[in-house]
Every structure is written in C-alpha cells, then in structure tokens.
C-alpha cells in the first residue's frame, strides 16, 4: 500500500509513504487529506523497484495526521533506496 502524488505518471509513480492497508485507510479517511489531491494505490508487484516507483520527500504538511492516527510509515524518501537498474541498450 502506498500513497502516491497526484502529479505522477504510469511510468514511474511518485510515492510519499508506504504504509499498511489499515493505516492507509486512516490517512484517506481523515478530512485533512480527503479530496482530489491524493491517491491511494494498492500493489504487491515491484513495490521497491526504483525503476517503477520513486519516493519523494515528505514536507511535513501531514505530520499531524500521521501522529493523530499513530501511522507507522514502512518506507519513505528517507529510507535508503536501491539504485535504479540501467536499461539494456
């Protein structure tokens, strides 16, 4: 489960946090994050593949939401990301 940026594309999703399904539901149910600017994405494939997903920095604007719901972020931009594999030419 991850929370993706609205300004993302199918080639490489911009991901803010990876969280559990239960925590994602809490985030998306909160009135402070409800609306057209957020997208909840479910996937079990290639979740840590840097060619498919890039974690973007958290600017802290939703720190209260995470705190108020005791959200455990499994992965985010601060988590060390493996380098993207170069594509064969």
Protein backbone atom coordinates (compact mmCIF):
# COMPACT_ATOMS: atom_id res chain seq x y z
CA UNK A 1 0.00 0.00 0.00
CA UNK A 2 1.37 3.40 -0.81
CA UNK A 3 0.23 6.98 -1.06
CA UNK A 4 1.11 8.46 -4.45
CA UNK A 5 1.44 12.02 -5.61
CA UNK A 6 -1.30 13.48 -7.80
CA UNK A 7 1.43 14.60 -10.23
CA UNK A 8 2.56 11.10 -11.09
CA UNK A 9 2.66 9.11 -14.30
CA UNK A 10 2.27 5.45 -15.16
CA UNK A 11 5.97 5.07 -16.00
CA UNK A 12 7.29 5.88 -12.53
CA UNK A 13 4.92 6.52 -9.63
CA UNK A 14 5.89 9.30 -7.19
CA UNK A 15 5.33 7.77 -3.75
CA UNK A 16 5.13 9.68 -0.47
CA UNK A 17 4.86 6.82 2.04
CA UNK A 18 4.41 3.07 2.10
CA UNK A 19 2.06 2.10 4.93
CA UNK A 20 -0.17 -0.81 5.93
CA UNK A 21 -3.66 -1.11 4.44
CA UNK A 22 -5.19 -0.20 7.80
CA UNK A 23 -3.02 2.92 8.12
CA UNK A 24 -3.74 3.96 4.52
CA UNK A 25 -7.47 3.79 5.24
CA UNK A 26 -6.97 6.03 8.28
CA UNK A 27 -4.98 8.57 6.25
CA UNK A 28 -7.52 8.66 3.43
CA UNK A 29 -10.49 8.83 5.81
CA UNK A 30 -9.14 11.90 7.60
CA UNK A 31 -10.80 15.16 6.50
CA UNK A 32 -7.37 16.84 6.33
CA UNK A 33 -6.28 14.53 3.50
CA UNK A 34 -9.61 13.85 1.80
CA UNK A 35 -10.07 15.21 -1.69
CA UNK A 36 -8.80 15.10 -5.25
CA UNK A 37 -5.14 15.76 -4.41
CA UNK A 38 -4.35 12.29 -3.04
CA UNK A 39 -4.43 8.83 -4.48
CA UNK A 40 -4.41 5.56 -2.59
CA UNK A 41 -2.68 2.79 -4.54
CA UNK A 42 -2.72 -0.92 -3.87
CA UNK A 43 0.03 -3.10 -5.31
CA UNK A 44 2.10 -6.10 -4.39
CA UNK A 45 4.27 -6.03 -7.51
CA UNK A 46 7.62 -4.24 -7.76
CA UNK A 47 6.87 -2.09 -4.70
CA UNK A 48 10.59 -1.49 -4.06
CA UNK A 49 11.65 -1.32 -7.71
CA UNK A 50 13.22 2.13 -8.24
CA UNK A 51 12.51 1.86 -11.97
CA UNK A 52 8.77 1.80 -11.17
CA UNK A 53 8.49 3.93 -8.02
CA UNK A 54 10.38 6.94 -6.69
CA UNK A 55 9.88 8.04 -3.10
CA UNK A 56 9.57 11.82 -2.83
CA UNK A 57 10.47 13.92 0.24
CA UNK A 58 7.79 14.50 2.85
CA UNK A 59 7.44 18.23 3.52
CA UNK A 60 5.76 17.57 6.87
CA UNK A 61 2.39 19.07 5.97
CA UNK A 62 0.62 15.91 7.16
CA UNK A 63 2.69 15.25 10.28
CA UNK A 64 -0.36 15.85 12.49
CA UNK A 65 -2.41 13.31 10.54
CA UNK A 66 0.31 10.68 10.92
CA UNK A 67 0.68 11.48 14.62
CA UNK A 68 -3.04 11.64 15.41
CA UNK A 69 -3.69 8.22 13.85
CA UNK A 70 -0.45 6.58 15.08
CA UNK A 71 0.55 5.84 11.48
CA UNK A 72 3.65 3.68 11.03
CA UNK A 73 5.42 4.62 7.83
CA UNK A 74 7.04 1.45 6.47
CA UNK A 75 9.05 3.26 3.82
CA UNK A 76 9.57 6.84 2.69
CA UNK A 77 12.11 9.08 0.97
CA UNK A 78 14.44 8.94 3.99
CA UNK A 79 14.64 5.14 3.73
CA UNK A 80 17.67 4.12 1.70
CA UNK A 81 16.55 3.34 -1.83
CA UNK A 82 18.37 0.91 -4.10
CA UNK A 83 19.78 2.39 -7.28
CA UNK A 84 17.71 2.01 -10.42
CA UNK A 85 18.96 -0.69 -12.76
CA UNK A 86 20.23 0.64 -16.04
CA UNK A 87 18.20 -0.38 -19.05
CA UNK A 88 19.95 -2.55 -21.68
CA UNK A 89 20.73 -0.68 -24.87
